Amino acid sequence: MESKIMIFKPSYEEFRDFHQFVKFLESQEAHRAGIAKIIPPSEWKARSGSYNMAEIGNTKIPEPIYQFVKEMNGAYEQTCDQRRQSISVRDFREMVESDEFCKDRPPLGDNDKVVSAYWDKVITSKDEQRIYGADINGSLMDANLEVWNIGKLGSILETVSEESNFKIEGVNTAYLYFGSWKTSFAWHVEDMDLYSINYLHFGAPKTWYAIPPSKGRDFERVAADYFPEYSKICNAFLRHKTAIISPDVLKSRDIPFDTITQEAGEIIITFPYGYHAGFNQGFNCAEATNFATERWIEYGKRCAQCSCDIGSVEIPMEPFVRKFQHDKYENWLRGRDIGKHPEVPGEQVPANLPAGFVKTTPRNGQKIKKRAEPLPVPELADDDEEKENSPRSYGRGLRKKLPSAKLRESYTDEAEANDEANDDDDWNPPVFKRKKKRKSK
C-alpha cells in the first residue's frame, strides 16, 4: 500500500499553534494519505471535568440514527432511519454495551479480530439494531480551552463565515457523535472537500480507512461500477454516505488505501478530497467539525457537487476567492477561472460558478432544507436606471443572487459580444433583458 497514514506525537510547543501544525503536517506530506493521526501531548487536556455518567449521562441524543446494511453487487449499501424519540447518553450506553448488543464482537484490544468480526457480518440481520447518536450540536471541550478547541479553531472557514454571516451546523460548528459496535461512516469526502478534525473523547476505538486524494477519481470510477444506478442519477453519489466498500474489493481493483485505529484521546485530521470510511468498535464519543486553509480554496472552487440534493452542502465561495485569491476574482466571476483540480493533473476545467449555500438532509422520508441567510445587499438595477452597468458592489455579506449557470445561458451571446467590444479590467454585470424581478428562493 502506498501513501501510509502518518502518526505524529508533537511536543506542546509544536502542538499549541493549530494552523502552523497543519502546515507542518503538509510539509511532511501527511496529506498524501488522505488522513493523519495526532497523539496530543500530555499537557493538553480537552476537558477538565470527567466523562462519567454523573456529569454527561443526562445529555440528550435528540434523534438517534438506526443503520441498516445490505449487500449490493459485491459491495454494501447503508441506509439510515432517523428516529424522533430522544434518548439520554446514560440509557444509550446501557443499551449498546449490553451482552446482547455486542454478542458477535470479540474482546476489545485484539484489533485484528474485531476488524475481522465487523467485515464477516457487516450486513445487518433482521433482529439486529445499530444505533448511532450522530450529528448532535454541542461540545464536551472546556469553553475556555484556547488550544485545539474544536468549537473555535479560528480557521479561515470560521473567520469568513463570521464576516459573511453564515452558519452551517457541523461544518463550522462542533458536532458530537456517540457510537456503538458496528455503527459506520460510509465512504465519503467532506462537504465542499474541506478538511475535518475528529477527537475521540472516550470509549472504544474507531477504525479508519483512507484513500490518497490523488486516487480519488479512480475510486469514484470503481464505486460507480458497484452502484451503477446511483451513479446515473447523481454525479457525486458518494456524498450520500451510503456506500460501504470492503478492503478486499479495493485490493482487487488496485485502489491504494491504508487503515488506522483511533484510540480515546487521539485526533484524526482528514485532508481535502481525501475519501475515508470506518466504523466504531463499541460505545464511544467523538467530537468533530470542518476547517479550511488557503490551500483548500482551489478544492472548494472545483469540487463535484451532489446533483440530486440528497445530503448536499454548498458553501458560498465568493468571500474566500475575493479575500484570498484577489488576482483570480474577476475571472472567476466571469466563469473564466480555468485550471486543474489539485488532485487531477492535466484536467483543465472552469471553476464552479458563484453560488449560495443550501443544505438538504433526508429525515423520515422527507427532504429538509437548511439555508444560510446572507446579509442583504443591493440587487442589480432595472434596465431604465442609471446604475444598469455600474460595477458589482460587495459588502461584508453575500449576494442573494449571483449568476447561475441557467442565467448565464440567457445572456451568453450578448455578454460575449460586449466582452469582445470592451475587455477592460473592470467587470460590469452582463446586459440581459429583465421580464420581472425574481424573488430569491
Protein backbone atom coordinates (compact mmCIF):
# COMPACT_ATOMS: atom_id res chain seq x y z
CA MET A 1 0.00 0.00 0.00
CA GLU A 2 1.33 3.45 -0.93
CA SER A 3 0.91 6.70 1.00
CA LYS A 4 0.91 5.29 4.51
CA ILE A 5 -1.09 7.15 7.15
CA MET A 6 1.36 9.09 9.29
CA ILE A 7 1.26 9.35 13.09
CA PHE A 8 2.53 12.44 14.91
CA LYS A 9 3.43 12.85 18.60
CA PRO A 10 4.19 16.57 18.94
CA SER A 11 5.52 18.40 21.96
CA TYR A 12 3.24 21.02 23.46
CA GLU A 13 5.26 23.80 21.79
CA GLU A 14 4.85 22.13 18.40
CA PHE A 15 1.19 21.40 19.07
CA ARG A 16 -0.08 24.68 20.51
CA ASP A 17 -0.44 26.60 17.20
CA PHE A 18 -3.12 24.72 15.28
CA HIS A 19 -2.60 26.47 11.95
CA GLN A 20 1.17 26.12 11.99
CA PHE A 21 0.87 22.46 12.92
CA VAL A 22 -1.45 21.76 9.96
CA LYS A 23 1.14 23.42 7.71
CA PHE A 24 3.78 21.22 9.30
CA LEU A 25 1.71 18.09 8.61
CA GLU A 26 1.52 19.02 4.94
CA SER A 27 5.22 19.89 4.79
CA GLN A 28 5.78 16.27 5.85
CA GLU A 29 3.35 15.19 3.07
CA ALA A 30 0.90 13.70 5.57
CA HIS A 31 -1.96 14.82 3.30
CA ARG A 32 -0.85 12.38 0.61
CA ALA A 33 -2.52 9.52 2.53
CA GLY A 34 -5.81 11.41 2.98
CA ILE A 35 -5.76 11.36 6.79
CA ALA A 36 -3.23 11.66 9.62
CA LYS A 37 -3.30 10.75 13.30
CA ILE A 38 -2.10 13.04 16.08
CA ILE A 39 -1.40 11.90 19.62
CA PRO A 40 -1.67 15.13 21.66
CA PRO A 41 0.98 16.00 24.26
CA SER A 42 0.18 15.07 27.84
CA GLU A 43 -0.02 18.75 28.86
CA TRP A 44 -3.09 19.26 26.65
CA LYS A 45 -6.46 18.43 28.18
CA ALA A 46 -9.66 18.72 26.15
CA ARG A 47 -11.82 18.66 29.27
CA SER A 48 -11.09 19.46 32.90
CA GLY A 49 -14.12 17.51 34.10
CA SER A 50 -14.72 13.78 33.86
CA TYR A 51 -16.67 11.72 31.36
CA ASN A 52 -18.60 9.70 33.94
CA MET A 53 -22.36 9.42 33.62
CA ALA A 54 -22.89 11.66 36.64
CA GLU A 55 -21.59 14.54 34.52
CA ILE A 56 -22.69 13.71 30.98
CA GLY A 57 -25.30 10.97 31.39
CA ASN A 58 -28.28 13.32 31.10
CA THR A 59 -27.09 14.71 27.76
CA LYS A 60 -29.80 14.05 25.20
CA ILE A 61 -29.32 12.34 21.85
CA PRO A 62 -32.32 14.03 20.22
CA GLU A 63 -32.74 11.87 17.12
CA PRO A 64 -30.70 8.64 17.18
CA ILE A 65 -29.93 7.06 13.81
CA TYR A 66 -30.68 3.41 13.11
CA GLN A 67 -28.36 1.97 10.47
CA PHE A 68 -29.14 -0.89 8.10
CA VAL A 69 -26.67 -2.53 5.71
CA LYS A 70 -27.43 -4.78 2.75
CA GLU A 71 -25.28 -6.38 0.07
CA MET A 72 -25.28 -4.71 -3.34
CA ASN A 73 -23.32 -6.01 -6.33
CA GLY A 74 -20.41 -7.16 -4.21
CA ALA A 75 -20.35 -4.03 -2.07
CA TYR A 76 -22.74 -2.81 0.64
CA GLU A 77 -25.38 -0.11 0.87
CA GLN A 78 -26.06 1.56 4.20
CA THR A 79 -29.33 3.33 4.90
CA CYS A 80 -30.20 5.37 7.96
CA ASP A 81 -33.51 5.83 9.72
CA GLN A 82 -33.56 8.87 11.97
CA ARG A 83 -35.93 8.42 14.90
CA ARG A 84 -37.51 11.40 16.64
CA GLN A 85 -37.58 9.72 20.03
CA SER A 86 -34.69 11.09 22.09
CA ILE A 87 -32.56 9.03 24.45
CA SER A 88 -30.13 10.04 27.17
CA VAL A 89 -26.43 9.19 26.88
CA ARG A 90 -26.79 7.10 30.05
CA ASP A 91 -29.58 4.95 28.56
CA PHE A 92 -27.81 4.79 25.21
CA ARG A 93 -24.68 3.45 26.86
CA GLU A 94 -26.60 0.86 28.87
CA MET A 95 -28.28 -0.41 25.71
CA VAL A 96 -25.26 -0.54 23.39
CA GLU A 97 -22.88 -2.05 25.95
CA SER A 98 -25.23 -4.94 26.74
CA ASP A 99 -24.14 -8.51 26.02
CA GLU A 100 -26.95 -8.89 23.53
CA PHE A 101 -25.89 -5.83 21.56
CA CYS A 102 -22.22 -6.87 21.41
CA LYS A 103 -22.71 -10.64 21.19
CA ASP A 104 -20.69 -11.05 17.96
CA ARG A 105 -17.81 -8.74 18.95
CA PRO A 106 -14.50 -10.19 20.17
CA PRO A 107 -12.99 -8.63 23.30
CA LEU A 108 -11.67 -5.14 22.66
CA GLY A 109 -7.90 -4.98 22.46
CA ASP A 110 -7.44 -7.61 19.77
CA ASN A 111 -7.83 -5.17 16.89
CA ASP A 112 -7.40 -7.68 14.08
CA LYS A 113 -10.16 -9.94 15.44
CA VAL A 114 -12.53 -7.01 15.98
CA VAL A 115 -11.98 -5.76 12.42
CA SER A 116 -12.49 -9.25 11.02
CA ALA A 117 -15.72 -9.65 13.00
CA TYR A 118 -17.04 -6.41 11.53
CA TRP A 119 -16.41 -7.41 7.92
CA ASP A 120 -17.55 -11.02 8.46
CA LYS A 121 -21.03 -9.80 9.41
CA VAL A 122 -21.27 -6.28 8.04
CA ILE A 123 -24.81 -6.95 6.75
CA THR A 124 -27.47 -6.32 9.39
CA SER A 125 -29.66 -9.24 10.39
CA LYS A 126 -33.42 -8.95 10.89
CA ASP A 127 -33.21 -8.69 14.68
CA GLU A 128 -30.09 -6.54 14.80
CA GLN A 129 -30.02 -2.89 15.82
CA ARG A 130 -27.17 -0.50 15.08
CA ILE A 131 -27.80 2.82 16.74
CA TYR A 132 -25.69 5.92 16.25
CA GLY A 133 -26.04 9.15 18.19
CA ALA A 134 -24.74 11.29 15.35
CA ASP A 135 -24.79 14.96 14.36
CA ILE A 136 -25.52 16.40 17.80
CA ASN A 137 -24.89 20.10 18.24
CA GLY A 138 -22.55 20.69 21.15
CA SER A 139 -19.12 20.17 22.62
CA LEU A 140 -17.56 18.36 25.56
CA MET A 141 -14.44 20.51 25.43
CA ASP A 142 -13.92 23.23 28.03
CA ALA A 143 -15.37 26.51 26.80
CA ASN A 144 -12.20 28.36 27.84
CA LEU A 145 -9.87 25.93 26.05
CA GLU A 146 -7.76 28.04 23.68
CA VAL A 147 -5.54 25.35 22.13
CA TRP A 148 -7.13 22.97 19.61
CA ASN A 149 -10.68 23.71 20.74
CA ILE A 150 -12.82 22.12 18.03
CA GLY A 151 -15.54 24.71 18.62
CA LYS A 152 -13.19 27.60 17.86
CA LEU A 153 -10.23 26.56 15.74
CA GLY A 154 -10.06 30.01 14.14
CA SER A 155 -9.51 28.74 10.60
CA ILE A 156 -10.46 30.82 7.58
CA LEU A 157 -13.72 28.86 7.45
CA GLU A 158 -14.71 30.40 10.78
CA THR A 159 -13.44 33.90 10.11
CA VAL A 160 -15.02 34.19 6.68
CA SER A 161 -18.33 32.71 7.83
CA GLU A 162 -18.46 35.21 10.70
CA GLU A 163 -17.67 38.10 8.36
CA SER A 164 -20.24 36.90 5.83
CA ASN A 165 -22.87 35.93 8.40
CA PHE A 166 -23.48 32.28 7.60
CA LYS A 167 -23.56 29.33 9.98
CA ILE A 168 -23.57 25.71 8.92
CA GLU A 169 -24.19 23.17 11.66
CA GLY A 170 -21.49 20.53 11.85
CA VAL A 171 -19.38 22.33 9.25
CA ASN A 172 -18.29 25.46 11.07
CA THR A 173 -19.74 24.36 14.41
CA ALA A 174 -18.90 21.32 16.56
CA TYR A 175 -20.89 18.09 16.41
CA LEU A 176 -20.85 15.21 18.88
CA TYR A 177 -21.07 11.54 17.85
CA PHE A 178 -21.97 8.74 20.26
CA GLY A 179 -21.02 5.46 18.59
CA SER A 180 -21.76 1.80 19.20
CA TRP A 181 -20.48 -1.51 17.87
CA LYS A 182 -20.58 -1.67 14.05
CA THR A 183 -22.04 1.80 13.54
CA SER A 184 -20.31 3.06 10.43
CA PHE A 185 -19.43 6.09 8.38
CA ALA A 186 -19.57 5.16 4.71
CA TRP A 187 -17.05 6.21 2.07
CA HIS A 188 -17.12 9.97 1.51
CA VAL A 189 -15.16 13.16 1.24
CA GLU A 190 -16.06 16.11 3.43
CA ASP A 191 -18.62 18.69 2.34
CA MET A 192 -17.02 21.00 -0.23
CA ASP A 193 -13.90 18.80 0.06
CA LEU A 194 -12.97 20.56 3.30
CA TYR A 195 -10.56 19.40 5.98
CA SER A 196 -12.02 17.81 9.10
CA ILE A 197 -10.85 17.14 12.63
CA ASN A 198 -12.15 14.32 14.84
CA TYR A 199 -11.25 13.98 18.52
CA LEU A 200 -12.21 10.78 20.34
CA HIS A 201 -13.15 11.89 23.86
CA PHE A 202 -13.59 8.45 25.38
CA GLY A 203 -14.66 4.87 24.80
CA ALA A 204 -13.96 2.15 22.28
CA PRO A 205 -11.65 2.78 19.31
CA LYS A 206 -12.66 3.86 15.81
CA THR A 207 -11.31 2.03 12.78
CA TRP A 208 -10.50 4.29 9.81
CA TYR A 209 -9.77 3.60 6.15
CA ALA A 210 -8.37 6.23 3.80
CA ILE A 211 -7.61 6.57 0.10
CA PRO A 212 -4.94 9.01 -1.15
CA PRO A 213 -6.58 12.13 -2.64
CA SER A 214 -4.58 11.58 -5.83
CA LYS A 215 -6.51 8.32 -6.32
CA GLY A 216 -9.93 9.84 -5.64
CA ARG A 217 -11.04 9.83 -9.28
CA ASP A 218 -10.00 6.16 -9.65
CA PHE A 219 -12.01 5.26 -6.56
CA GLU A 220 -15.06 7.12 -7.85
CA ARG A 221 -14.98 5.06 -11.05
CA VAL A 222 -14.75 1.83 -9.05
CA ALA A 223 -17.64 2.91 -6.81
CA ALA A 224 -19.73 3.69 -9.90
CA ASP A 225 -19.19 0.11 -11.10
CA TYR A 226 -20.70 -1.24 -7.87
CA PHE A 227 -23.52 1.31 -7.69
CA PRO A 228 -24.36 1.92 -11.38
CA GLU A 229 -27.93 3.09 -10.84
CA TYR A 230 -26.93 5.69 -8.28
CA SER A 231 -24.06 6.93 -10.44
CA LYS A 232 -26.52 7.55 -13.28
CA ILE A 233 -28.79 9.59 -11.03
CA CYS A 234 -26.11 11.66 -9.27
CA ASN A 235 -22.63 12.58 -10.41
CA ALA A 236 -21.42 12.72 -6.79
CA PHE A 237 -23.49 9.95 -5.22
CA LEU A 238 -20.76 9.09 -2.72
CA ARG A 239 -21.74 12.30 -0.93
CA HIS A 240 -24.92 10.46 0.09
CA LYS A 241 -22.72 8.46 2.51
CA THR A 242 -24.37 5.13 1.75
CA ALA A 243 -21.57 3.16 0.01
CA ILE A 244 -19.54 0.68 2.06
CA ILE A 245 -16.78 -0.96 0.03
CA SER A 246 -14.53 -3.51 1.71
CA PRO A 247 -10.73 -3.57 1.77
CA ASP A 248 -10.82 -6.80 -0.27
CA VAL A 249 -12.67 -5.03 -3.09
CA LEU A 250 -10.23 -2.12 -3.02
CA LYS A 251 -7.31 -4.55 -3.29
CA SER A 252 -8.93 -6.43 -6.17
CA ARG A 253 -9.42 -3.15 -8.06
CA ASP A 254 -5.90 -1.83 -7.33
CA ILE A 255 -7.12 1.12 -5.27
CA PRO A 256 -4.42 2.01 -2.72
CA PHE A 257 -5.60 2.59 0.82
CA ASP A 258 -4.42 2.44 4.40
CA THR A 259 -6.11 1.82 7.72
CA ILE A 260 -5.51 3.05 11.25
CA THR A 261 -7.09 2.73 14.70
CA GLN A 262 -8.02 5.84 16.66
CA GLU A 263 -7.90 5.37 20.42
CA ALA A 264 -9.52 7.59 23.05
CA GLY A 265 -7.62 10.86 23.41
CA GLU A 266 -6.33 10.82 19.82
CA ILE A 267 -7.07 13.12 16.89
CA ILE A 268 -7.68 12.32 13.23
CA ILE A 269 -7.25 15.01 10.57
CA THR A 270 -8.76 14.40 7.12
CA PHE A 271 -7.44 16.40 4.18
CA PRO A 272 -9.23 17.93 1.18
CA TYR A 273 -10.63 15.39 -1.28
CA GLY A 274 -9.46 12.50 0.88
CA TYR A 275 -12.00 9.67 0.76
CA HIS A 276 -12.38 7.94 4.11
CA ALA A 277 -14.67 5.47 5.86
CA GLY A 278 -14.77 3.45 9.04
CA PHE A 279 -16.68 2.10 12.00
CA ASN A 280 -16.91 2.22 15.79
CA GLN A 281 -15.71 -0.76 17.81
CA GLY A 282 -18.13 -0.01 20.63
CA PHE A 283 -19.59 2.73 22.79
CA ASN A 284 -17.60 5.94 22.42
CA CYS A 285 -17.90 9.69 21.96
CA ALA A 286 -16.18 11.80 19.32
CA GLU A 287 -16.30 15.49 18.53
CA ALA A 288 -15.75 16.80 15.03
CA THR A 289 -16.00 19.76 12.71
CA ASN A 290 -14.62 21.04 9.42
CA PHE A 291 -11.98 23.66 8.84
CA ALA A 292 -10.19 25.29 5.93
CA THR A 293 -6.84 26.71 4.88
CA GLU A 294 -5.93 28.81 1.86
CA ARG A 295 -4.77 25.60 0.14
CA TRP A 296 -8.34 24.31 0.30
CA ILE A 297 -9.83 27.14 -1.78
CA GLU A 298 -8.90 25.53 -5.11
CA TYR A 299 -10.57 22.32 -3.94
CA GLY A 300 -13.68 24.18 -2.85
CA LYS A 301 -13.98 26.01 -6.18
CA ARG A 302 -13.72 22.80 -8.17
CA CYS A 303 -15.42 20.17 -6.00
CA ALA A 304 -18.08 17.94 -7.54
CA GLN A 305 -21.48 18.69 -6.03
CA CYS A 306 -24.32 16.27 -5.49
CA SER A 307 -26.70 16.79 -8.42
CA CYS A 308 -29.77 15.34 -6.69
CA ASP A 309 -29.52 17.29 -3.40
CA ILE A 310 -29.63 14.29 -1.06
CA GLY A 311 -27.47 15.39 1.84
CA SER A 312 -25.52 18.08 -0.03
CA VAL A 313 -23.82 21.16 1.35
CA GLU A 314 -22.73 24.12 -0.72
CA ILE A 315 -20.70 26.88 0.86
CA PRO A 316 -20.53 30.27 -0.88
CA MET A 317 -17.00 30.57 -2.25
CA GLU A 318 -17.29 34.27 -3.16
CA PRO A 319 -15.85 35.68 0.10
CA PHE A 320 -12.95 33.20 0.07
CA VAL A 321 -11.97 33.98 -3.52
CA ARG A 322 -12.41 37.73 -3.02
CA LYS A 323 -10.29 37.75 0.15
CA PHE A 324 -7.56 35.22 -0.62
CA GLN A 325 -7.44 34.98 -4.44
CA HIS A 326 -7.93 38.60 -5.45
CA ASP A 327 -5.94 38.12 -8.67
CA LYS A 328 -8.39 35.41 -9.82
CA TYR A 329 -11.57 37.05 -8.56
CA GLU A 330 -12.81 38.82 -11.70
CA ASN A 331 -12.10 35.86 -13.99
CA TRP A 332 -13.83 33.56 -11.52
CA LEU A 333 -16.96 35.72 -11.50
CA ARG A 334 -16.99 35.57 -15.32
CA GLY A 335 -16.61 31.80 -15.39
CA ARG A 336 -13.10 32.12 -16.82
CA ASP A 337 -11.13 30.68 -13.93
CA ILE A 338 -9.74 27.76 -15.93
CA GLY A 339 -7.40 25.40 -14.17
CA LYS A 340 -6.82 21.93 -12.86
CA HIS A 341 -8.29 20.23 -9.85
CA PRO A 342 -5.41 19.97 -7.34
CA GLU A 343 -5.60 16.17 -7.39
CA VAL A 344 -6.30 15.67 -11.10
CA PRO A 345 -3.24 16.75 -13.09
CA GLY A 346 -3.80 17.59 -16.73
CA GLU A 347 -7.54 18.21 -16.38
CA GLN A 348 -8.22 21.86 -17.27
CA VAL A 349 -11.74 22.84 -16.26
CA PRO A 350 -13.51 26.06 -15.21
CA ALA A 351 -14.09 26.53 -11.50
CA ASN A 352 -17.66 26.25 -10.23
CA LEU A 353 -19.66 29.45 -10.56
CA PRO A 354 -20.55 31.56 -7.51
CA ALA A 355 -23.45 30.17 -5.52
CA GLY A 356 -25.22 30.49 -2.20
CA PHE A 357 -25.49 27.85 0.48
CA VAL A 358 -28.21 25.24 0.74
CA LYS A 359 -28.15 22.11 2.85
CA THR A 360 -30.62 19.30 2.19
CA THR A 361 -30.84 16.37 4.56
CA PRO A 362 -33.14 13.34 4.44
CA ARG A 363 -35.28 12.87 7.51
CA ASN A 364 -38.09 10.33 7.81
CA GLY A 365 -38.51 10.19 4.06
CA GLN A 366 -38.66 13.95 3.63
CA LYS A 367 -36.08 16.44 2.42
CA ILE A 368 -35.37 19.18 4.92
CA LYS A 369 -33.58 22.25 3.61
CA LYS A 370 -31.40 24.46 5.77
CA ARG A 371 -30.44 27.75 4.17
CA ALA A 372 -27.83 30.21 5.34
CA GLU A 373 -29.35 33.68 5.34
CA PRO A 374 -26.85 36.16 3.87
CA LEU A 375 -26.77 39.83 4.75
CA PRO A 376 -28.85 41.87 2.29
CA VAL A 377 -27.03 43.72 -0.49
CA PRO A 378 -28.46 45.77 -3.36
CA GLU A 379 -29.78 43.83 -6.34
CA LEU A 380 -28.92 44.77 -9.90
CA ALA A 381 -30.78 47.86 -11.06
CA ASP A 382 -33.60 47.75 -13.58
CA ASP A 383 -32.83 48.43 -17.24
CA ASP A 384 -34.11 52.02 -17.07
CA GLU A 385 -31.99 53.01 -14.09
CA GLU A 386 -28.65 54.77 -14.35
CA LYS A 387 -26.83 52.04 -12.41
CA GLU A 388 -27.53 49.38 -15.02
CA ASN A 389 -23.86 48.95 -15.90
CA SER A 390 -22.22 50.05 -12.67
CA PRO A 391 -19.60 47.69 -11.19
CA ARG A 392 -20.89 44.98 -8.87
CA SER A 393 -20.68 46.11 -5.26
CA TYR A 394 -19.95 43.63 -2.49
CA GLY A 395 -20.29 44.38 1.19
CA ARG A 396 -19.43 42.11 4.10
CA GLY A 397 -22.38 39.88 3.31
CA LEU A 398 -23.14 37.56 0.43
CA ARG A 399 -25.32 38.44 -2.50
CA LYS A 400 -28.70 36.78 -2.51
CA LYS A 401 -28.40 36.50 -6.27
CA LEU A 402 -25.28 35.57 -8.17
CA PRO A 403 -25.12 34.50 -11.82
CA SER A 404 -26.20 30.89 -12.11
CA ALA A 405 -25.49 28.54 -14.96
CA LYS A 406 -29.06 28.98 -16.29
CA LEU A 407 -28.84 32.74 -16.03
CA ARG A 408 -25.56 32.72 -17.89
CA GLU A 409 -27.12 30.79 -20.74
CA SER A 410 -29.72 33.53 -21.18
CA TYR A 411 -27.19 36.22 -21.81
CA THR A 412 -24.12 34.36 -23.08
CA ASP A 413 -24.23 35.59 -26.67
CA GLU A 414 -24.83 39.22 -25.78
CA ALA A 415 -22.29 39.14 -22.96
CA GLU A 416 -19.64 37.67 -25.24
CA ALA A 417 -20.28 40.44 -27.78
CA ASN A 418 -19.88 43.02 -25.04
CA ASP A 419 -16.67 41.37 -23.82
CA GLU A 420 -15.15 41.47 -27.31
CA ALA A 421 -16.03 45.15 -27.65
CA ASN A 422 -14.79 46.13 -24.20
CA ASP A 423 -12.41 43.73 -22.47
CA ASP A 424 -11.04 46.04 -19.80
CA ASP A 425 -10.10 45.18 -16.24
CA ASP A 426 -13.33 46.39 -14.60
CA TRP A 427 -16.15 43.89 -14.71
CA ASN A 428 -19.72 45.06 -15.14
CA PRO A 429 -22.83 42.90 -14.82
CA PRO A 430 -23.67 41.45 -18.26
CA VAL A 431 -26.59 43.10 -20.04
CA PHE A 432 -29.69 40.99 -20.30
CA LYS A 433 -33.36 41.69 -20.62
CA ARG A 434 -35.44 41.51 -17.49
CA LYS A 435 -39.01 40.40 -17.64
CA LYS A 436 -39.75 40.63 -13.94
CA LYS A 437 -37.69 40.72 -10.81
CA ARG A 438 -37.29 37.23 -9.40
CA LYS A 439 -37.54 36.51 -5.75
CA SER A 440 -34.70 34.66 -4.05
CA LYS A 441 -35.64 31.06 -3.49
